[in-house]
Amino acid sequence: METLKAASRIISVLFVICYANQLVYIFVSLLSGRKERKAEKAISLRRNRYAVLICARNEEEVIGDLVRSVRRQTYPGQLVDTYVMADNCTDGTARAAANAGAYVFERNDRSRVGKGYALDALLRSIRETEPEGYDGYFVFDADNILAPDYIEQMDRTFSQGYDIVTGYRNSKNYGSNWISAGYALWFIRESMYLSYPRHLVGSSCTVSGTGFMFSREVAEEMDGWPYHTLTEDLEFSCDQITRGRKIAFCRDAEFFDEQPVELKQSWDQRMRWCRGYLQVFGKYGMDLMRGAADGSYACLDCILGVLPAFALSVLSFCIDLALIICAAAMGEGLAGVLLPMVSALICSYTLMLILGAVTLVTEWKNIKADTQRKIVYLFSFPVFMMTYAPIAIASLFVKAEWKPIRHTFSAERLGQVGVADRGAV
């Protein structure tokens, strides 16, 4: 019994150690002054030519909004081509994308399902039609909408010599409910208190599903898109970091995506992510550890970002369960066991509330929701984050797979919560 209690305390200490750097990142971001980089430092000697890559499965309701937001960019339109892979679609996605001005390819392959396979097919199709290729490639999900200067801002960072750049991920539907708000606040925090400080200290960010770009050199090196785990974005990031590349962050390149609003959808999606973390660490863990041993802080940072939360959450749950069973078997009162657990939950809730509050206060103007929803959903944010614990445990025993999520939040509705006045849509 005492051994289990000691193990529980050790896990708490390990949590603090593994995530101490993220506490430092908060101060790095806050103390940076958020000064804008001087534009002249990022002026390119020539204009880069870009391809926008969009993989869509039954996204007829939103794909047109994204394509139109690409066509309305301040960056010269003649230097940007938009390509859509209508992947196993049974609706009018291909037609809607073409009507909005995209070049459209269609793919029907039920044996290889997932964004990774669709991206691979799209890149190979583009290579056949445009053998000269492009200077850079943007990756978006069909539900995204871009701020009007998104590509211009990304081009400035890209022109400083980075091969991979990711942008500021905002959300269309923060105010829909506590689930969408939980996602939204986390992604904004990830942008400003993980990616931004990592960029400032010279480490590497990781890409998060969408809203990123990579260079011609990376595209040629990949020869398609060879990443097919359940979290192909993290797999791509780990692979590039182990190759010595730094993924940059452009805080002025803002884009919006739509978050799930149903608990089952959210559960399934995050279970896939948790399973994918294990797949990626199994594939790149040794390379990351070797890189960290050779002095790469980016590799160490990537390890800390991928594994500890999952592993320590599962261990903590198992130890707590063992403590309850032992207390019941030995006839001891459960109060002595449950009280420390309740205390730990309160501490966890408080910590996540603080992290959410810092993000909400500093990014208040960027969050597209009314004041009441912003405040109310701050208090549900820790609950949303704490649901990761049972999801992580379930992912060890339940098969996770890629499942499409229907998106319906239009550009018109986004304009109604404050984006239209910035000219984004």
Protein backbone atom coordinates (compact mmCIF):
# COMPACT_ATOMS: atom_id res chain seq x y z
CA MET A 1 0.00 0.00 0.00
CA GLU A 2 2.74 2.45 0.97
CA THR A 3 4.69 1.48 -2.14
CA LEU A 4 1.71 2.40 -4.33
CA LYS A 5 1.30 5.73 -2.55
CA ALA A 6 5.00 6.46 -3.08
CA ALA A 7 4.66 5.57 -6.77
CA SER A 8 1.73 7.96 -7.07
CA ARG A 9 3.83 10.78 -5.58
CA ILE A 10 6.70 9.98 -7.95
CA ILE A 11 4.38 10.24 -10.95
CA SER A 12 3.24 13.68 -9.76
CA VAL A 13 6.87 14.79 -9.57
CA LEU A 14 7.55 13.40 -13.04
CA PHE A 15 4.63 15.39 -14.42
CA VAL A 16 6.20 18.57 -13.07
CA ILE A 17 9.65 17.71 -14.43
CA CYS A 18 8.42 16.73 -17.88
CA TYR A 19 6.35 19.87 -18.34
CA ALA A 20 8.51 22.43 -16.58
CA ASN A 21 9.74 23.65 -19.97
CA GLN A 22 6.16 24.48 -20.97
CA LEU A 23 5.87 26.71 -17.92
CA VAL A 24 9.01 28.50 -19.06
CA TYR A 25 7.48 28.85 -22.53
CA ILE A 26 4.61 30.87 -21.08
CA PHE A 27 7.02 33.47 -19.73
CA VAL A 28 9.05 33.45 -22.95
CA SER A 29 5.89 34.27 -24.90
CA LEU A 30 4.62 36.87 -22.45
CA LEU A 31 7.97 38.61 -22.10
CA SER A 32 8.71 38.65 -25.82
CA GLY A 33 6.71 41.84 -26.17
CA ARG A 34 4.94 40.31 -29.18
CA LYS A 35 6.89 42.69 -31.39
CA GLU A 36 6.26 42.31 -35.08
CA ARG A 37 9.22 41.24 -37.15
CA LYS A 38 10.42 43.94 -39.50
CA ALA A 39 9.05 43.24 -42.93
CA GLU A 40 12.28 44.13 -44.64
CA LYS A 41 14.01 41.18 -42.99
CA ALA A 42 11.61 38.85 -44.73
CA ILE A 43 11.49 40.38 -48.20
CA SER A 44 12.12 37.70 -50.79
CA LEU A 45 14.35 38.43 -53.77
CA ARG A 46 11.70 36.78 -55.92
CA ARG A 47 8.06 35.87 -55.55
CA ASN A 48 7.51 32.25 -54.59
CA ARG A 49 5.00 30.10 -56.43
CA TYR A 50 2.73 28.01 -54.25
CA ALA A 51 0.36 25.06 -54.47
CA VAL A 52 -2.48 24.79 -51.97
CA LEU A 53 -3.32 21.17 -51.11
CA ILE A 54 -6.78 20.28 -49.80
CA CYS A 55 -7.99 16.74 -49.14
CA ALA A 56 -11.76 16.55 -48.71
CA ARG A 57 -14.23 13.78 -48.04
CA ASN A 58 -17.88 14.80 -48.32
CA GLU A 59 -17.18 18.47 -47.58
CA GLU A 60 -19.61 20.01 -50.07
CA GLU A 61 -20.96 22.46 -47.49
CA VAL A 62 -17.64 24.15 -46.64
CA ILE A 63 -15.06 23.45 -49.37
CA GLY A 64 -16.13 26.45 -51.45
CA ASP A 65 -15.52 28.84 -48.56
CA LEU A 66 -11.91 27.71 -48.23
CA VAL A 67 -11.15 27.88 -51.94
CA ARG A 68 -12.65 31.36 -52.15
CA SER A 69 -10.63 32.52 -49.12
CA VAL A 70 -7.48 31.34 -50.94
CA ARG A 71 -8.47 33.24 -54.07
CA ARG A 72 -9.04 36.43 -52.03
CA GLN A 73 -5.52 36.50 -50.59
CA THR A 74 -3.41 39.65 -50.71
CA TYR A 75 -0.60 37.54 -52.17
CA PRO A 76 -0.56 37.63 -56.01
CA GLY A 77 -3.20 35.20 -57.22
CA GLN A 78 -1.27 34.20 -60.33
CA LEU A 79 1.37 32.63 -58.05
CA VAL A 80 -1.07 30.40 -56.14
CA ASP A 81 -2.79 27.31 -57.52
CA THR A 82 -5.41 25.47 -55.45
CA TYR A 83 -5.76 21.70 -55.73
CA VAL A 84 -8.46 19.57 -54.17
CA MET A 85 -8.46 15.78 -53.82
CA ALA A 86 -12.08 14.67 -53.51
CA ASP A 87 -11.36 11.54 -51.50
CA ASN A 88 -14.00 8.77 -51.63
CA CYS A 89 -16.75 11.38 -51.86
CA THR A 90 -20.42 10.55 -52.28
CA ASP A 91 -21.64 14.16 -52.44
CA GLY A 92 -20.91 17.23 -54.55
CA THR A 93 -17.52 18.12 -53.06
CA ALA A 94 -15.70 17.93 -56.40
CA ARG A 95 -18.26 20.12 -58.14
CA ALA A 96 -18.32 22.70 -55.32
CA ALA A 97 -14.52 22.93 -55.30
CA ALA A 98 -14.34 23.30 -59.08
CA ASN A 99 -17.06 25.97 -59.09
CA ALA A 100 -15.08 27.93 -56.50
CA GLY A 101 -11.98 27.88 -58.71
CA ALA A 102 -9.90 24.86 -57.66
CA TYR A 103 -8.26 22.18 -59.77
CA VAL A 104 -9.94 18.96 -58.71
CA PHE A 105 -8.82 15.34 -58.68
CA GLU A 106 -10.95 12.45 -57.50
CA ARG A 107 -9.87 9.32 -55.64
CA ASN A 108 -11.88 6.21 -54.88
CA ASP A 109 -9.92 3.73 -52.78
CA ARG A 110 -11.74 2.14 -49.83
CA SER A 111 -8.75 -0.03 -48.90
CA ARG A 112 -6.44 2.88 -48.04
CA VAL A 113 -8.46 5.35 -46.03
CA GLY A 114 -7.11 8.50 -44.42
CA LYS A 115 -5.70 11.92 -45.11
CA GLY A 116 -2.16 10.61 -45.55
CA TYR A 117 -3.13 8.44 -48.51
CA ALA A 118 -5.19 11.25 -50.06
CA LEU A 119 -2.28 13.70 -49.73
CA ASP A 120 0.08 11.21 -51.31
CA ALA A 121 -2.26 10.74 -54.27
CA LEU A 122 -2.74 14.50 -54.63
CA LEU A 123 1.00 15.27 -54.66
CA ARG A 124 1.59 12.57 -57.26
CA SER A 125 -1.24 13.91 -59.43
CA ILE A 126 0.16 17.43 -59.24
CA ARG A 127 3.60 16.17 -60.23
CA GLU A 128 2.10 14.69 -63.39
CA THR A 129 0.29 17.90 -64.35
CA GLU A 130 2.98 20.36 -63.12
CA PRO A 131 6.33 18.54 -63.50
CA GLU A 132 8.28 21.72 -62.66
CA GLY A 133 6.68 21.75 -59.22
CA TYR A 134 6.26 24.68 -56.84
CA ASP A 135 8.47 26.59 -54.42
CA GLY A 136 6.18 25.67 -51.55
CA TYR A 137 3.10 23.60 -50.70
CA PHE A 138 0.35 24.57 -48.25
CA VAL A 139 -1.79 21.92 -46.53
CA PHE A 140 -5.32 22.71 -45.37
CA ASP A 141 -8.41 20.82 -44.28
CA ALA A 142 -11.62 21.50 -46.16
CA ASP A 143 -13.28 23.29 -43.23
CA ASN A 144 -10.53 25.93 -42.95
CA ILE A 145 -10.83 29.61 -43.82
CA LEU A 146 -7.80 31.88 -44.23
CA ALA A 147 -7.29 35.44 -43.05
CA PRO A 148 -6.74 37.60 -46.15
CA ASP A 149 -2.99 38.04 -45.61
CA TYR A 150 -2.30 34.45 -44.52
CA ILE A 151 -0.15 33.43 -47.51
CA GLU A 152 1.65 36.80 -47.56
CA GLN A 153 2.64 36.39 -43.90
CA MET A 154 3.68 32.75 -44.35
CA ASP A 155 5.74 33.74 -47.40
CA ARG A 156 7.68 36.25 -45.29
CA THR A 157 8.66 33.59 -42.76
CA PHE A 158 9.32 31.01 -45.49
CA SER A 159 11.61 33.49 -47.27
CA GLN A 160 13.83 33.68 -44.19
CA GLY A 161 15.11 30.20 -45.07
CA TYR A 162 12.77 27.82 -43.25
CA ASP A 163 11.69 24.64 -45.04
CA ILE A 164 8.52 24.13 -42.98
CA VAL A 165 6.27 26.81 -41.45
CA THR A 166 3.05 26.54 -39.46
CA GLY A 167 0.54 29.29 -38.74
CA TYR A 168 -1.72 30.61 -35.98
CA ARG A 169 -4.62 28.19 -35.58
CA ASN A 170 -7.87 29.86 -34.59
CA SER A 171 -11.37 28.35 -34.60
CA LYS A 172 -14.60 29.19 -36.36
CA ASN A 173 -16.93 27.89 -33.68
CA TYR A 174 -15.48 28.55 -30.23
CA GLY A 175 -18.95 29.52 -29.02
CA SER A 176 -20.84 26.43 -30.22
CA ASN A 177 -20.50 24.48 -26.95
CA TRP A 178 -17.99 23.39 -24.28
CA ILE A 179 -16.45 20.77 -26.58
CA SER A 180 -15.67 23.11 -29.48
CA ALA A 181 -14.46 25.73 -27.00
CA GLY A 182 -12.14 23.19 -25.38
CA TYR A 183 -10.53 22.40 -28.72
CA ALA A 184 -10.35 26.06 -29.70
CA LEU A 185 -8.69 27.24 -26.51
CA TRP A 186 -6.19 24.40 -26.64
CA PHE A 187 -5.18 25.12 -30.25
CA ILE A 188 -4.78 28.84 -29.55
CA ARG A 189 -2.68 27.97 -26.51
CA GLU A 190 -0.65 25.58 -28.64
CA SER A 191 0.02 28.37 -31.12
CA MET A 192 0.98 31.11 -28.67
CA TYR A 193 2.44 29.19 -25.72
CA LEU A 194 4.07 26.22 -27.44
CA SER A 195 4.81 27.00 -31.09
CA TYR A 196 5.59 30.71 -30.66
CA PRO A 197 8.10 30.34 -27.79
CA ARG A 198 9.68 27.31 -29.43
CA HIS A 199 10.25 29.45 -32.50
CA LEU A 200 11.67 32.27 -30.38
CA VAL A 201 14.20 30.04 -28.58
CA GLY A 202 15.33 28.35 -31.80
CA SER A 203 13.70 24.98 -31.15
CA SER A 204 11.24 23.30 -33.53
CA CYS A 205 7.46 23.45 -33.56
CA THR A 206 5.28 20.55 -34.63
CA VAL A 207 2.56 20.87 -37.24
CA SER A 208 -0.96 20.29 -36.03
CA GLY A 209 -3.00 18.69 -38.77
CA THR A 210 -3.54 21.71 -40.98
CA GLY A 211 -2.41 25.25 -41.75
CA PHE A 212 1.22 24.55 -42.56
CA MET A 213 3.55 24.59 -45.56
CA PHE A 214 6.71 22.86 -46.74
CA SER A 215 9.32 23.64 -49.36
CA ARG A 216 10.10 22.14 -52.76
CA GLU A 217 13.15 20.46 -51.20
CA VAL A 218 11.01 18.69 -48.59
CA ALA A 219 8.48 17.68 -51.24
CA GLU A 220 11.17 16.17 -53.46
CA GLU A 221 12.76 14.41 -50.52
CA MET A 222 9.42 12.88 -49.45
CA ASP A 223 8.50 11.86 -53.02
CA GLY A 224 4.81 12.03 -52.21
CA TRP A 225 3.44 11.82 -48.69
CA PRO A 226 4.83 8.71 -46.95
CA TYR A 227 3.11 9.27 -43.58
CA HIS A 228 0.17 6.96 -42.89
CA THR A 229 -0.14 6.53 -39.13
CA LEU A 230 -3.29 7.70 -37.35
CA THR A 231 -1.56 11.03 -36.68
CA GLU A 232 0.26 11.68 -39.94
CA ASP A 233 0.90 15.33 -38.96
CA LEU A 234 2.89 14.33 -35.88
CA GLU A 235 4.65 11.61 -37.87
CA PHE A 236 5.70 14.22 -40.45
CA SER A 237 6.92 16.53 -37.66
CA CYS A 238 8.97 13.85 -35.89
CA ASP A 239 10.51 12.66 -39.14
CA GLN A 240 11.57 16.17 -40.13
CA ILE A 241 12.90 16.99 -36.65
CA THR A 242 15.02 13.83 -36.61
CA ARG A 243 16.42 14.95 -39.97
CA GLY A 244 17.60 18.16 -38.32
CA ARG A 245 14.97 20.52 -39.72
CA LYS A 246 13.30 23.20 -37.63
CA ILE A 247 9.61 23.83 -38.12
CA ALA A 248 9.02 27.58 -37.86
CA PHE A 249 5.96 29.44 -36.59
CA CYS A 250 4.36 32.51 -38.17
CA ARG A 251 2.14 34.16 -35.57
CA ASP A 252 0.68 36.65 -38.08
CA ALA A 253 -0.60 33.93 -40.42
CA GLU A 254 -4.07 33.28 -39.02
CA PHE A 255 -6.48 30.62 -40.19
CA PHE A 256 -9.69 29.17 -38.80
CA ASP A 257 -11.00 25.63 -38.59
CA GLU A 258 -14.19 24.01 -37.32
CA GLN A 259 -14.13 21.95 -34.13
CA PRO A 260 -16.31 18.94 -33.27
CA VAL A 261 -19.38 19.66 -31.15
CA GLU A 262 -20.53 16.12 -30.33
CA LEU A 263 -18.92 14.16 -27.50
CA LYS A 264 -18.81 10.89 -29.45
CA GLN A 265 -17.09 12.56 -32.40
CA SER A 266 -14.61 14.18 -30.06
CA TRP A 267 -14.01 10.92 -28.21
CA ASP A 268 -13.37 9.00 -31.45
CA GLN A 269 -11.08 11.70 -32.83
CA ARG A 270 -8.97 12.04 -29.70
CA MET A 271 -8.78 8.28 -29.27
CA ARG A 272 -7.31 8.15 -32.78
CA TRP A 273 -4.83 10.83 -31.77
CA CYS A 274 -3.80 8.93 -28.62
CA ARG A 275 -3.33 5.72 -30.58
CA GLY A 276 -1.42 7.68 -33.18
CA TYR A 277 0.94 9.09 -30.55
CA LEU A 278 1.92 5.53 -29.65
CA GLN A 279 2.41 4.60 -33.30
CA VAL A 280 4.61 7.62 -33.93
CA PHE A 281 6.69 7.14 -30.80
CA GLY A 282 7.16 3.47 -31.66
CA LYS A 283 8.40 4.50 -35.10
CA TYR A 284 10.55 7.53 -34.23
CA GLY A 285 11.16 7.20 -30.49
CA MET A 286 14.67 5.77 -30.78
CA ASP A 287 15.72 8.34 -33.39
CA LEU A 288 14.38 11.15 -31.19
CA MET A 289 16.20 9.79 -28.15
CA ARG A 290 19.44 9.48 -30.11
CA GLY A 291 19.00 13.05 -31.29
CA ALA A 292 18.37 14.24 -27.74
CA ALA A 293 21.44 12.34 -26.54
CA ASP A 294 23.47 14.12 -29.23
CA GLY A 295 22.36 17.47 -27.85
CA SER A 296 19.27 18.26 -29.92
CA TYR A 297 16.86 20.17 -27.71
CA ALA A 298 14.24 19.98 -30.49
CA CYS A 299 14.32 16.17 -30.27
CA LEU A 300 14.03 16.26 -26.47
CA ASP A 301 11.20 18.78 -26.67
CA CYS A 302 9.40 16.57 -29.17
CA ILE A 303 9.72 13.52 -26.89
CA LEU A 304 8.33 15.46 -23.94
CA GLY A 305 5.45 16.68 -26.06
CA VAL A 306 4.51 13.25 -27.41
CA LEU A 307 4.86 10.63 -24.69
CA PRO A 308 4.78 11.70 -21.01
CA ALA A 309 1.18 12.92 -20.77
CA PHE A 310 -0.10 9.67 -22.26
CA ALA A 311 2.16 7.32 -20.32
CA LEU A 312 1.93 9.10 -16.97
CA SER A 313 -1.86 9.43 -17.19
CA VAL A 314 -2.24 5.69 -17.79
CA LEU A 315 0.19 4.84 -14.97
CA SER A 316 -1.53 7.22 -12.59
CA PHE A 317 -4.93 5.69 -13.34
CA CYS A 318 -3.60 2.15 -12.82
CA ILE A 319 -1.96 3.05 -9.51
CA ASP A 320 -5.07 4.83 -8.24
CA LEU A 321 -7.19 1.83 -9.19
CA ALA A 322 -4.76 -0.52 -7.41
CA LEU A 323 -4.91 1.69 -4.30
CA ILE A 324 -8.70 1.49 -4.21
CA ILE A 325 -8.66 -2.30 -4.65
CA CYS A 326 -6.01 -2.75 -1.96
CA ALA A 327 -7.86 -0.51 0.49
CA ALA A 328 -11.09 -2.46 -0.06
CA ALA A 329 -9.33 -5.84 0.22
CA MET A 330 -7.52 -4.89 3.42
CA GLY A 331 -10.63 -3.48 5.01
CA GLU A 332 -9.18 0.00 5.28
CA GLY A 333 -11.28 3.10 4.87
CA LEU A 334 -11.42 4.47 1.36
CA ALA A 335 -11.30 8.04 2.59
CA GLY A 336 -7.54 7.92 3.05
CA VAL A 337 -7.16 6.83 -0.57
CA LEU A 338 -9.87 8.92 -2.21
CA LEU A 339 -9.04 12.22 -0.57
CA PRO A 340 -5.55 12.47 -2.16
CA MET A 341 -7.12 11.58 -5.52
CA VAL A 342 -9.73 14.30 -5.15
CA SER A 343 -6.97 16.72 -4.15
CA ALA A 344 -4.99 15.75 -7.26
CA LEU A 345 -8.07 16.31 -9.46
CA ILE A 346 -8.60 19.75 -7.93
CA CYS A 347 -4.95 20.63 -8.54
CA SER A 348 -5.19 19.42 -12.14
CA TYR A 349 -8.38 21.41 -12.69
CA THR A 350 -6.80 24.53 -11.21
CA LEU A 351 -3.66 24.21 -13.33
CA MET A 352 -5.63 23.80 -16.55
CA LEU A 353 -7.87 26.70 -15.54
CA ILE A 354 -4.82 28.93 -15.13
CA LEU A 355 -3.40 27.87 -18.49
CA GLY A 356 -6.75 28.49 -20.14
CA ALA A 357 -7.16 31.86 -18.41
CA VAL A 358 -3.74 33.08 -19.53
CA THR A 359 -4.59 32.13 -23.10
CA LEU A 360 -8.07 33.64 -22.95
CA VAL A 361 -6.92 36.96 -21.51
CA THR A 362 -3.95 37.46 -23.83
CA GLU A 363 -5.78 36.28 -26.98
CA TRP A 364 -9.19 37.72 -26.05
CA LYS A 365 -9.57 39.83 -29.21
CA ASN A 366 -8.75 36.90 -31.49
CA ILE A 367 -11.36 34.53 -30.05
CA LYS A 368 -14.56 34.69 -32.08
CA ALA A 369 -17.34 34.41 -29.49
CA ASP A 370 -19.36 36.70 -27.26
CA THR A 371 -18.08 37.61 -23.80
CA GLN A 372 -20.43 35.32 -21.90
CA ARG A 373 -19.39 32.21 -23.84
CA LYS A 374 -15.71 33.07 -23.57
CA ILE A 375 -15.95 33.19 -19.79
CA VAL A 376 -18.31 30.26 -19.25
CA TYR A 377 -16.32 27.91 -21.46
CA LEU A 378 -13.10 28.85 -19.69
CA PHE A 379 -14.37 26.91 -16.68
CA SER A 380 -15.28 23.88 -18.77
CA PHE A 381 -11.87 23.87 -20.46
CA PRO A 382 -10.17 21.88 -17.64
CA VAL A 383 -12.96 19.30 -17.80
CA PHE A 384 -12.43 18.93 -21.53
CA MET A 385 -8.69 18.43 -21.04
CA MET A 386 -9.18 15.95 -18.19
CA THR A 387 -11.31 13.74 -20.42
CA TYR A 388 -8.07 12.86 -22.20
CA ALA A 389 -7.21 10.50 -19.32
CA PRO A 390 -10.01 7.96 -19.94
CA ILE A 391 -9.58 8.40 -23.69
CA ALA A 392 -5.88 7.54 -23.44
CA ILE A 393 -6.67 4.42 -21.41
CA ALA A 394 -9.43 3.34 -23.79
CA SER A 395 -7.11 3.77 -26.78
CA LEU A 396 -4.94 0.93 -25.42
CA PHE A 397 -7.78 -1.55 -25.75
CA VAL A 398 -10.15 -0.24 -28.43
CA LYS A 399 -9.23 -0.17 -32.10
CA ALA A 400 -9.00 3.40 -33.34
CA GLU A 401 -9.45 4.36 -36.97
CA TRP A 402 -9.89 7.43 -39.12
CA LYS A 403 -13.51 8.60 -39.24
CA PRO A 404 -14.79 11.63 -41.15
CA ILE A 405 -16.37 14.50 -39.22
CA ARG A 406 -19.09 16.49 -40.92
CA HIS A 407 -18.44 20.24 -41.14
CA THR A 408 -21.23 22.79 -41.65
CA PHE A 409 -19.98 26.08 -40.16
CA SER A 410 -20.00 28.46 -43.13
CA ALA A 411 -17.99 31.58 -43.87
CA GLU A 412 -21.18 33.60 -43.48
CA ARG A 413 -21.66 32.38 -39.91
CA LEU A 414 -17.98 33.07 -39.16
CA GLY A 415 -18.48 36.62 -40.34
CA GLN A 416 -21.35 36.99 -37.89
CA VAL A 417 -18.98 36.37 -34.95
CA GLY A 418 -16.47 38.99 -35.91
CA VAL A 419 -14.23 37.94 -38.78
CA ALA A 420 -15.93 39.71 -41.64
CA ASP A 421 -14.95 43.10 -40.27
CA ARG A 422 -11.29 42.08 -40.67
CA GLY A 423 -11.93 41.23 -44.31
CA ALA A 424 -11.14 37.56 -43.86
CA VAL A 425 -14.18 36.32 -45.68
